[in-house]
Amino acid sequence: MMRDMLDSDKPRERLLRVGERALSTAELLAIIFRTGVDGESVVRLSERLLAHFGGLPGLAKASIAELQVVKGIGPVKAIETKAALEIGRRLIASSPEQKPQVSCPADAANLLMTEMAFLDQEHLRLVLLDTRNRVLSSPTVYIGSLNTSVIRVGELFRFAIKDNAAALIVVHNHPSGDPSPSPEDIQVTRQIVKGGNLLDIEVLDHVIIGRQRYVSLKERGLGFD
């Protein structure tokens, strides 16, 4: 339950402390829902709802009746979900030419968190950016265990060259839910950064996504030496 969480860990308090962009999608949903159910926190309920529908795209397609199939989601929470999603849809419709802009690691993580947090295999994706750090695309370039023997840096940059990207952010997930970087993650990062330097395409970060958490290797100074 929300009251069982430390004050500093509650989504509302975290939003006030670090800003809305730093919160996961599940935490933002938890703020809308306010309460969980017996034996389950509101954040965990939100995570389970997102996982059931495969993230925000699936959630947006679900009807109010379909939302209520998930244990703990009654008519009120289903209506709150649809209302929040409709506000987002109207915002997008009001500025169709506007592209998402990435200004910090949290932006990149939140862009892909819902899609990648619950994958059962490692996926490596790129967030390709223009000169103003606006998102051009976010292709999946590799599926499987990340290591230096299988990652072909040239193939990775082919996507960036095709989209005429000025910069990129590497994003991959850890199916275990723990986003702590491994030695292989750091070594792969070094190779990608080196390739970017040769091609004059800036590698801004490597973000590892776990279970509604993320780690920025750039912030930790790993692989960018």
Protein backbone atom coordinates (compact mmCIF):
# COMPACT_ATOMS: atom_id res chain seq x y z
CA MET A 1 0.00 0.00 0.00
CA MET A 2 1.09 3.59 -0.54
CA ARG A 3 1.18 4.28 3.19
CA ASP A 4 3.70 1.44 3.67
CA MET A 5 6.24 3.10 1.37
CA LEU A 6 8.91 5.46 2.62
CA ASP A 7 7.86 9.07 2.04
CA SER A 8 10.86 9.61 -0.25
CA ASP A 9 9.80 6.64 -2.42
CA LYS A 10 6.17 7.70 -2.90
CA PRO A 11 5.52 8.80 -6.49
CA ARG A 12 4.00 12.15 -5.50
CA GLU A 13 6.98 13.01 -3.30
CA ARG A 14 9.44 11.79 -5.94
CA LEU A 15 7.77 13.99 -8.56
CA LEU A 16 8.14 17.02 -6.31
CA ARG A 17 11.76 16.15 -5.59
CA VAL A 18 13.09 15.11 -9.02
CA GLY A 19 10.41 16.20 -11.51
CA GLU A 20 7.88 14.31 -13.59
CA ARG A 21 10.34 13.27 -16.31
CA ALA A 22 12.34 11.18 -13.86
CA LEU A 23 9.33 9.05 -12.90
CA SER A 24 8.50 5.78 -14.62
CA THR A 25 5.18 5.36 -16.41
CA ALA A 26 4.02 3.10 -13.58
CA GLU A 27 4.78 5.80 -11.01
CA LEU A 28 2.83 8.39 -13.00
CA LEU A 29 -0.12 6.01 -13.20
CA ALA A 30 0.18 5.44 -9.46
CA ILE A 31 -0.26 9.17 -8.86
CA ILE A 32 -3.48 9.07 -10.88
CA PHE A 33 -4.76 5.96 -9.08
CA ARG A 34 -3.72 7.18 -5.59
CA THR A 35 -4.37 3.82 -3.86
CA GLY A 36 -3.48 0.19 -4.45
CA VAL A 37 -5.31 -2.91 -3.27
CA ASP A 38 -4.95 -5.12 -0.22
CA GLY A 39 -1.43 -6.52 -0.12
CA GLU A 40 -0.25 -4.65 -3.22
CA SER A 41 1.11 -1.13 -3.57
CA VAL A 42 -0.35 1.26 -6.10
CA VAL A 43 2.97 1.27 -7.99
CA ARG A 44 2.97 -2.53 -8.28
CA LEU A 45 -0.68 -2.44 -9.40
CA SER A 46 0.28 0.07 -12.10
CA GLU A 47 3.23 -2.10 -13.22
CA ARG A 48 0.95 -5.13 -13.47
CA LEU A 49 -1.63 -3.19 -15.49
CA LEU A 50 1.03 -1.99 -17.94
CA ALA A 51 2.49 -5.48 -18.26
CA HIS A 52 -0.94 -7.01 -18.90
CA PHE A 53 -1.55 -4.76 -21.91
CA GLY A 54 2.05 -4.62 -23.14
CA GLY A 55 2.61 -0.97 -22.25
CA LEU A 56 0.92 2.30 -23.09
CA PRO A 57 -0.03 1.44 -26.70
CA GLY A 58 -2.00 -1.61 -25.53
CA LEU A 59 -3.44 0.33 -22.63
CA ALA A 60 -4.66 3.03 -25.01
CA LYS A 61 -6.49 0.46 -27.15
CA ALA A 62 -8.21 -1.26 -24.22
CA SER A 63 -11.82 -0.48 -23.43
CA ILE A 64 -13.04 0.37 -19.93
CA ALA A 65 -14.47 -3.14 -19.66
CA GLU A 66 -11.17 -4.71 -20.75
CA LEU A 67 -9.22 -2.65 -18.21
CA GLN A 68 -11.43 -4.01 -15.44
CA VAL A 69 -10.36 -7.56 -16.25
CA VAL A 70 -7.12 -6.78 -14.38
CA LYS A 71 -7.48 -7.50 -10.67
CA GLY A 72 -7.60 -4.27 -8.68
CA ILE A 73 -8.85 -2.12 -11.57
CA GLY A 74 -12.45 -1.15 -10.95
CA PRO A 75 -14.66 1.31 -12.83
CA VAL A 76 -13.07 4.38 -11.22
CA LYS A 77 -9.45 3.42 -12.02
CA ALA A 78 -10.46 2.33 -15.53
CA ILE A 79 -12.13 5.70 -16.16
CA GLU A 80 -9.13 7.58 -14.73
CA THR A 81 -6.83 5.62 -17.05
CA LYS A 82 -8.88 6.38 -20.16
CA ALA A 83 -9.18 10.07 -19.24
CA ALA A 84 -5.40 10.44 -18.76
CA LEU A 85 -4.66 8.67 -22.05
CA GLU A 86 -7.18 10.84 -23.90
CA ILE A 87 -5.47 13.99 -22.62
CA GLY A 88 -2.19 12.66 -24.01
CA ARG A 89 -3.84 11.81 -27.34
CA ARG A 90 -5.27 15.32 -27.64
CA LEU A 91 -1.88 16.86 -26.87
CA ILE A 92 -0.29 14.86 -29.69
CA ALA A 93 -3.14 15.76 -32.04
CA SER A 94 -2.72 19.45 -31.26
CA SER A 95 0.96 19.43 -32.30
CA PRO A 96 1.36 16.70 -34.94
CA GLU A 97 4.72 17.98 -36.18
CA GLN A 98 6.32 18.03 -32.76
CA LYS A 99 8.86 15.28 -32.13
CA PRO A 100 9.88 14.10 -28.65
CA GLN A 101 13.06 15.78 -27.44
CA VAL A 102 15.66 14.05 -25.29
CA SER A 103 17.47 16.34 -22.88
CA CYS A 104 18.54 13.88 -20.17
CA PRO A 105 18.89 10.11 -19.56
CA ALA A 106 15.45 10.00 -17.94
CA ASP A 107 13.87 11.16 -21.21
CA ALA A 108 15.46 8.27 -23.11
CA ALA A 109 14.54 5.77 -20.41
CA ASN A 110 10.92 6.90 -20.21
CA LEU A 111 10.62 6.82 -24.00
CA LEU A 112 11.23 3.05 -24.02
CA MET A 113 10.68 1.91 -20.42
CA THR A 114 7.16 0.60 -20.91
CA GLU A 115 8.10 -1.36 -24.02
CA MET A 116 11.33 -2.84 -22.66
CA ALA A 117 11.01 -3.29 -18.88
CA PHE A 118 9.25 -6.67 -19.05
CA LEU A 119 10.92 -8.26 -22.09
CA ASP A 120 12.21 -11.79 -21.45
CA GLN A 121 15.25 -11.33 -23.74
CA GLU A 122 17.80 -8.57 -24.01
CA HIS A 123 16.95 -6.07 -26.74
CA LEU A 124 19.33 -3.36 -27.91
CA ARG A 125 17.70 -0.28 -29.38
CA LEU A 126 18.91 3.09 -30.56
CA VAL A 127 17.31 6.46 -29.95
CA LEU A 128 18.38 8.39 -33.04
CA LEU A 129 18.42 12.17 -32.69
CA ASP A 130 18.67 15.19 -34.94
CA THR A 131 20.84 18.25 -34.26
CA ARG A 132 18.26 19.55 -31.73
CA ASN A 133 18.08 16.21 -29.89
CA ARG A 134 14.63 15.47 -31.29
CA VAL A 135 13.83 11.80 -31.78
CA LEU A 136 14.03 10.59 -35.37
CA SER A 137 13.38 6.91 -34.66
CA SER A 138 14.12 4.17 -32.12
CA PRO A 139 14.90 0.97 -34.03
CA THR A 140 15.68 -2.40 -32.48
CA VAL A 141 19.09 -3.46 -33.76
CA TYR A 142 19.81 -6.62 -31.77
CA ILE A 143 18.03 -9.27 -29.69
CA GLY A 144 20.01 -11.59 -27.44
CA SER A 145 22.78 -11.47 -24.85
CA LEU A 146 24.89 -8.35 -25.22
CA ASN A 147 28.58 -9.06 -25.65
CA THR A 148 31.50 -7.83 -27.72
CA SER A 149 31.70 -10.99 -29.83
CA VAL A 150 28.26 -10.54 -31.41
CA ILE A 151 27.69 -6.77 -31.49
CA ARG A 152 28.79 -5.39 -34.86
CA VAL A 153 29.35 -1.68 -34.37
CA GLY A 154 29.26 -0.96 -38.10
CA GLU A 155 25.82 -2.53 -38.40
CA LEU A 156 24.61 -0.46 -35.47
CA PHE A 157 25.70 2.81 -37.07
CA ARG A 158 24.08 1.85 -40.36
CA PHE A 159 20.74 2.80 -38.78
CA ALA A 160 22.11 6.18 -37.70
CA ILE A 161 23.54 6.93 -41.14
CA LYS A 162 20.29 5.89 -42.85
CA ASP A 163 18.30 8.37 -40.72
CA ASN A 164 20.99 11.06 -41.02
CA ALA A 165 21.21 11.16 -37.22
CA ALA A 166 23.49 13.69 -35.55
CA ALA A 167 23.63 11.75 -32.30
CA LEU A 168 22.30 8.61 -30.68
CA ILE A 169 21.59 6.98 -27.35
CA VAL A 170 22.02 3.24 -26.91
CA VAL A 171 19.30 1.57 -24.83
CA HIS A 172 19.09 -2.05 -23.78
CA ASN A 173 17.23 -3.98 -21.12
CA HIS A 174 18.15 -6.50 -18.45
CA PRO A 175 15.40 -9.16 -18.22
CA SER A 176 16.43 -9.82 -14.60
CA GLY A 177 15.03 -6.41 -13.70
CA ASP A 178 18.37 -5.23 -12.29
CA PRO A 179 19.81 -2.47 -14.52
CA SER A 180 23.31 -2.61 -13.00
CA PRO A 181 25.86 -2.57 -15.86
CA SER A 182 28.00 -5.66 -16.44
CA PRO A 183 31.65 -5.59 -17.59
CA GLU A 184 30.39 -6.62 -21.06
CA ASP A 185 27.96 -3.68 -21.10
CA ILE A 186 30.84 -1.31 -20.36
CA GLN A 187 33.09 -2.86 -23.01
CA VAL A 188 30.35 -2.70 -25.65
CA THR A 189 29.79 0.95 -24.73
CA ARG A 190 33.48 1.74 -25.29
CA GLN A 191 33.36 0.15 -28.74
CA ILE A 192 30.23 2.05 -29.73
CA VAL A 193 31.62 5.38 -28.48
CA LYS A 194 34.82 4.75 -30.45
CA GLY A 195 32.78 4.01 -33.58
CA GLY A 196 30.77 7.19 -33.11
CA ASN A 197 33.95 9.25 -32.84
CA LEU A 198 35.22 7.81 -36.13
CA LEU A 199 31.93 8.53 -37.92
CA ASP A 200 31.31 11.92 -36.27
CA ILE A 201 28.05 10.69 -34.75
CA GLU A 202 27.95 11.54 -31.06
CA VAL A 203 27.04 8.73 -28.67
CA LEU A 204 25.32 10.65 -25.89
CA ASP A 205 24.65 7.79 -23.48
CA HIS A 206 24.04 4.11 -22.95
CA VAL A 207 20.94 3.56 -20.82
CA ILE A 208 20.16 0.18 -19.26
CA ILE A 209 16.52 -0.47 -18.41
CA GLY A 210 15.43 -2.77 -15.59
CA ARG A 211 12.09 -3.28 -13.89
CA GLN A 212 10.88 0.33 -13.89
CA ARG A 213 14.43 1.49 -13.12
CA TYR A 214 17.30 2.56 -15.31
CA VAL A 215 21.03 3.28 -15.17
CA SER A 216 22.89 5.83 -17.29
CA LEU A 217 26.43 4.67 -18.03
CA LYS A 218 27.36 8.23 -19.01
CA GLU A 219 26.27 9.54 -15.61
CA ARG A 220 28.36 6.85 -13.93
CA GLY A 221 31.36 7.52 -16.14
CA LEU A 222 31.41 3.95 -17.47
CA GLY A 223 32.57 3.33 -21.03
CA PHE A 224 32.86 7.03 -21.89
CA ASP A 225 36.48 7.48 -20.77
